[in-house]
């Protein structure tokens, strides 16, 4: 058995000659609905596993016709039903946590709106896009 290093056909570190040959493709957006940025406050409330009411002030990141993405200081479990109120948008009603992601010391929640709230959100998005 030889202890000499063998030459590899792969080059894990791009050299100047092959760096331009490798193009990094941007991440493909696979979302079903367009998201509009929105940075307003959203109050949320829900019941914890023991049935105790919980409240949190969150910050909306964006809004789509199906829901909101909000930034929170605490995690709310996926599938939890949440009541929300976004005064600046004039939206309040029921939603459900569909996605939870930790981002540093905060959490990003994907809230799916119920039908009644969804109609209001859709009207707001249409109004904003017509401006």
C-alpha atoms as a PDB file:
ATOM      1  CA  UNK A   1       0.000   0.000   0.000  1.00  0.00           C
ATOM      2  CA  UNK A   2       1.373   3.409  -0.946  1.00  0.00           C
ATOM      3  CA  UNK A   3       1.312   6.255   1.553  1.00  0.00           C
ATOM      4  CA  UNK A   4       1.848   8.879  -1.127  1.00  0.00           C
ATOM      5  CA  UNK A   5      -1.112  11.185  -1.762  1.00  0.00           C
ATOM      6  CA  UNK A   6      -3.009  10.444  -4.913  1.00  0.00           C
ATOM      7  CA  UNK A   7      -4.094  13.129  -7.299  1.00  0.00           C
ATOM      8  CA  UNK A   8      -7.837  13.692  -7.240  1.00  0.00           C
ATOM      9  CA  UNK A   9      -9.832  14.504 -10.341  1.00  0.00           C
ATOM     10  CA  UNK A  10     -12.155  16.672  -8.245  1.00  0.00           C
ATOM     11  CA  UNK A  11     -11.129  20.184  -7.277  1.00  0.00           C
ATOM     12  CA  UNK A  12     -12.996  21.151  -4.093  1.00  0.00           C
ATOM     13  CA  UNK A  13     -11.447  24.633  -3.993  1.00  0.00           C
ATOM     14  CA  UNK A  14     -12.218  26.659  -7.117  1.00  0.00           C
ATOM     15  CA  UNK A  15      -9.145  28.048  -8.804  1.00  0.00           C
ATOM     16  CA  UNK A  16      -9.166  31.220 -10.850  1.00  0.00           C
ATOM     17  CA  UNK A  17      -9.353  29.161 -14.025  1.00  0.00           C
ATOM     18  CA  UNK A  18     -12.499  27.222 -13.060  1.00  0.00           C
ATOM     19  CA  UNK A  19     -14.188  29.727 -10.723  1.00  0.00           C
ATOM     20  CA  UNK A  20     -15.860  31.521 -13.592  1.00  0.00           C
ATOM     21  CA  UNK A  21     -17.107  28.244 -15.034  1.00  0.00           C
ATOM     22  CA  UNK A  22     -19.173  27.502 -11.929  1.00  0.00           C
ATOM     23  CA  UNK A  23     -22.302  29.597 -11.705  1.00  0.00           C
ATOM     24  CA  UNK A  24     -24.382  29.617  -8.587  1.00  0.00           C
ATOM     25  CA  UNK A  25     -28.037  29.477  -9.478  1.00  0.00           C
ATOM     26  CA  UNK A  26     -30.342  31.549  -7.279  1.00  0.00           C
ATOM     27  CA  UNK A  27     -32.723  29.582  -5.089  1.00  0.00           C
ATOM     28  CA  UNK A  28     -35.922  28.841  -6.954  1.00  0.00           C
ATOM     29  CA  UNK A  29     -39.054  30.274  -5.361  1.00  0.00           C
ATOM     30  CA  UNK A  30     -41.455  27.358  -4.929  1.00  0.00           C
ATOM     31  CA  UNK A  31     -44.079  29.290  -2.996  1.00  0.00           C
ATOM     32  CA  UNK A  32     -47.659  28.974  -4.220  1.00  0.00           C
ATOM     33  CA  UNK A  33     -48.572  32.612  -3.584  1.00  0.00           C
ATOM     34  CA  UNK A  34     -46.845  35.949  -3.983  1.00  0.00           C
ATOM     35  CA  UNK A  35     -45.820  37.564  -0.700  1.00  0.00           C
ATOM     36  CA  UNK A  36     -45.975  41.285  -0.056  1.00  0.00           C
ATOM     37  CA  UNK A  37     -43.650  42.678   2.597  1.00  0.00           C
ATOM     38  CA  UNK A  38     -45.320  44.222   5.613  1.00  0.00           C
ATOM     39  CA  UNK A  39     -43.630  45.259   8.851  1.00  0.00           C
ATOM     40  CA  UNK A  40     -46.526  46.020  11.185  1.00  0.00           C
ATOM     41  CA  UNK A  41     -47.328  44.589  14.603  1.00  0.00           C
ATOM     42  CA  UNK A  42     -49.623  41.582  14.990  1.00  0.00           C
ATOM     43  CA  UNK A  43     -51.021  40.489  18.341  1.00  0.00           C
ATOM     44  CA  UNK A  44     -51.574  36.742  18.677  1.00  0.00           C
ATOM     45  CA  UNK A  45     -53.246  34.636  21.342  1.00  0.00           C
ATOM     46  CA  UNK A  46     -53.626  30.889  21.775  1.00  0.00           C
ATOM     47  CA  UNK A  47     -54.015  28.224  24.425  1.00  0.00           C
ATOM     48  CA  UNK A  48     -50.976  26.251  25.578  1.00  0.00           C
ATOM     49  CA  UNK A  49     -50.955  22.463  26.112  1.00  0.00           C
ATOM     50  CA  UNK A  50     -52.580  22.969  29.550  1.00  0.00           C
ATOM     51  CA  UNK A  51     -55.401  25.154  28.209  1.00  0.00           C
ATOM     52  CA  UNK A  52     -53.943  28.370  29.630  1.00  0.00           C
ATOM     53  CA  UNK A  53     -54.270  31.486  27.478  1.00  0.00           C
ATOM     54  CA  UNK A  54     -51.037  32.804  25.992  1.00  0.00           C
ATOM     55  CA  UNK A  55     -50.415  36.156  24.330  1.00  0.00           C
ATOM     56  CA  UNK A  56     -47.602  37.543  22.213  1.00  0.00           C
ATOM     57  CA  UNK A  57     -46.770  40.665  20.283  1.00  0.00           C
ATOM     58  CA  UNK A  58     -45.262  39.651  16.940  1.00  0.00           C
ATOM     59  CA  UNK A  59     -43.967  41.517  13.918  1.00  0.00           C
ATOM     60  CA  UNK A  60     -45.374  40.710  10.510  1.00  0.00           C
ATOM     61  CA  UNK A  61     -42.705  39.942   7.904  1.00  0.00           C
ATOM     62  CA  UNK A  62     -44.969  39.510   4.900  1.00  0.00           C
ATOM     63  CA  UNK A  63     -48.499  38.693   3.839  1.00  0.00           C
ATOM     64  CA  UNK A  64     -49.950  36.523   1.079  1.00  0.00           C
ATOM     65  CA  UNK A  65     -53.472  35.603   0.088  1.00  0.00           C
ATOM     66  CA  UNK A  66     -53.281  32.485   2.279  1.00  0.00           C
ATOM     67  CA  UNK A  67     -51.511  33.796   5.359  1.00  0.00           C
ATOM     68  CA  UNK A  68     -48.945  35.812   7.240  1.00  0.00           C
ATOM     69  CA  UNK A  69     -45.344  35.221   8.146  1.00  0.00           C
ATOM     70  CA  UNK A  70     -44.564  36.715  11.561  1.00  0.00           C
ATOM     71  CA  UNK A  71     -41.504  37.019  13.765  1.00  0.00           C
ATOM     72  CA  UNK A  72     -42.026  36.062  17.418  1.00  0.00           C
ATOM     73  CA  UNK A  73     -39.920  35.827  20.559  1.00  0.00           C
ATOM     74  CA  UNK A  74     -41.360  32.446  21.467  1.00  0.00           C
ATOM     75  CA  UNK A  75     -42.248  29.300  19.569  1.00  0.00           C
ATOM     76  CA  UNK A  76     -45.867  28.376  19.018  1.00  0.00           C
ATOM     77  CA  UNK A  77     -46.220  24.698  18.069  1.00  0.00           C
ATOM     78  CA  UNK A  78     -47.209  23.775  14.521  1.00  0.00           C
ATOM     79  CA  UNK A  79     -50.971  23.063  14.171  1.00  0.00           C
ATOM     80  CA  UNK A  80     -51.857  25.401  17.047  1.00  0.00           C
ATOM     81  CA  UNK A  81     -54.935  27.537  16.428  1.00  0.00           C
ATOM     82  CA  UNK A  82     -54.122  31.206  16.929  1.00  0.00           C
ATOM     83  CA  UNK A  83     -56.302  34.296  17.102  1.00  0.00           C
ATOM     84  CA  UNK A  84     -54.606  37.259  15.484  1.00  0.00           C
ATOM     85  CA  UNK A  85     -55.161  40.976  15.286  1.00  0.00           C
ATOM     86  CA  UNK A  86     -53.304  43.300  12.921  1.00  0.00           C
ATOM     87  CA  UNK A  87     -54.781  46.735  13.606  1.00  0.00           C
ATOM     88  CA  UNK A  88     -52.951  48.548  10.806  1.00  0.00           C
ATOM     89  CA  UNK A  89     -54.282  46.032   8.294  1.00  0.00           C
ATOM     90  CA  UNK A  90     -57.704  45.942   9.940  1.00  0.00           C
ATOM     91  CA  UNK A  91     -57.512  42.144  10.066  1.00  0.00           C
ATOM     92  CA  UNK A  92     -58.510  39.962  12.984  1.00  0.00           C
ATOM     93  CA  UNK A  93     -59.607  36.376  13.246  1.00  0.00           C
ATOM     94  CA  UNK A  94     -58.487  32.783  13.408  1.00  0.00           C
ATOM     95  CA  UNK A  95     -55.407  31.230  11.886  1.00  0.00           C
ATOM     96  CA  UNK A  96     -53.315  28.121  12.302  1.00  0.00           C
ATOM     97  CA  UNK A  97     -49.557  27.732  12.703  1.00  0.00           C
ATOM     98  CA  UNK A  98     -48.394  25.844   9.618  1.00  0.00           C
ATOM     99  CA  UNK A  99     -44.656  26.487   9.823  1.00  0.00           C
ATOM    100  CA  UNK A 100     -42.136  27.170  12.591  1.00  0.00           C
ATOM    101  CA  UNK A 101     -38.494  28.069  12.068  1.00  0.00           C
ATOM    102  CA  UNK A 102     -35.899  29.252  14.578  1.00  0.00           C
ATOM    103  CA  UNK A 103     -33.916  32.290  13.439  1.00  0.00           C
ATOM    104  CA  UNK A 104     -31.297  33.176  16.045  1.00  0.00           C
ATOM    105  CA  UNK A 105     -33.124  34.082  19.233  1.00  0.00           C
ATOM    106  CA  UNK A 106     -36.456  34.552  17.408  1.00  0.00           C
ATOM    107  CA  UNK A 107     -38.944  32.347  15.626  1.00  0.00           C
ATOM    108  CA  UNK A 108     -40.560  32.733  12.225  1.00  0.00           C
ATOM    109  CA  UNK A 109     -44.146  31.475  12.176  1.00  0.00           C
ATOM    110  CA  UNK A 110     -46.179  30.757   9.083  1.00  0.00           C
ATOM    111  CA  UNK A 111     -49.822  31.462   9.929  1.00  0.00           C
ATOM    112  CA  UNK A 112     -52.515  30.137   7.599  1.00  0.00           C
ATOM    113  CA  UNK A 113     -55.595  32.348   7.688  1.00  0.00           C
ATOM    114  CA  UNK A 114     -59.135  30.984   7.931  1.00  0.00           C
ATOM    115  CA  UNK A 115     -61.522  31.765   5.052  1.00  0.00           C
ATOM    116  CA  UNK A 116     -63.084  34.936   6.507  1.00  0.00           C
ATOM    117  CA  UNK A 117     -59.727  36.506   7.358  1.00  0.00           C
ATOM    118  CA  UNK A 118     -58.256  35.317   4.067  1.00  0.00           C
ATOM    119  CA  UNK A 119     -60.837  37.327   2.093  1.00  0.00           C
ATOM    120  CA  UNK A 120     -59.879  40.524   3.930  1.00  0.00           C
ATOM    121  CA  UNK A 121     -56.180  39.854   3.367  1.00  0.00           C
ATOM    122  CA  UNK A 122     -56.750  39.152  -0.321  1.00  0.00           C
ATOM    123  CA  UNK A 123     -58.685  42.420  -0.701  1.00  0.00           C
ATOM    124  CA  UNK A 124     -55.812  44.318   0.944  1.00  0.00           C
ATOM    125  CA  UNK A 125     -53.250  42.699  -1.346  1.00  0.00           C
ATOM    126  CA  UNK A 126     -55.304  43.510  -4.438  1.00  0.00           C
ATOM    127  CA  UNK A 127     -55.718  47.101  -3.258  1.00  0.00           C
ATOM    128  CA  UNK A 128     -51.976  47.482  -2.622  1.00  0.00           C
ATOM    129  CA  UNK A 129     -51.024  45.995  -6.000  1.00  0.00           C
ATOM    130  CA  UNK A 130     -53.409  48.312  -7.892  1.00  0.00           C
ATOM    131  CA  UNK A 131     -51.650  51.416  -6.545  1.00  0.00           C
END
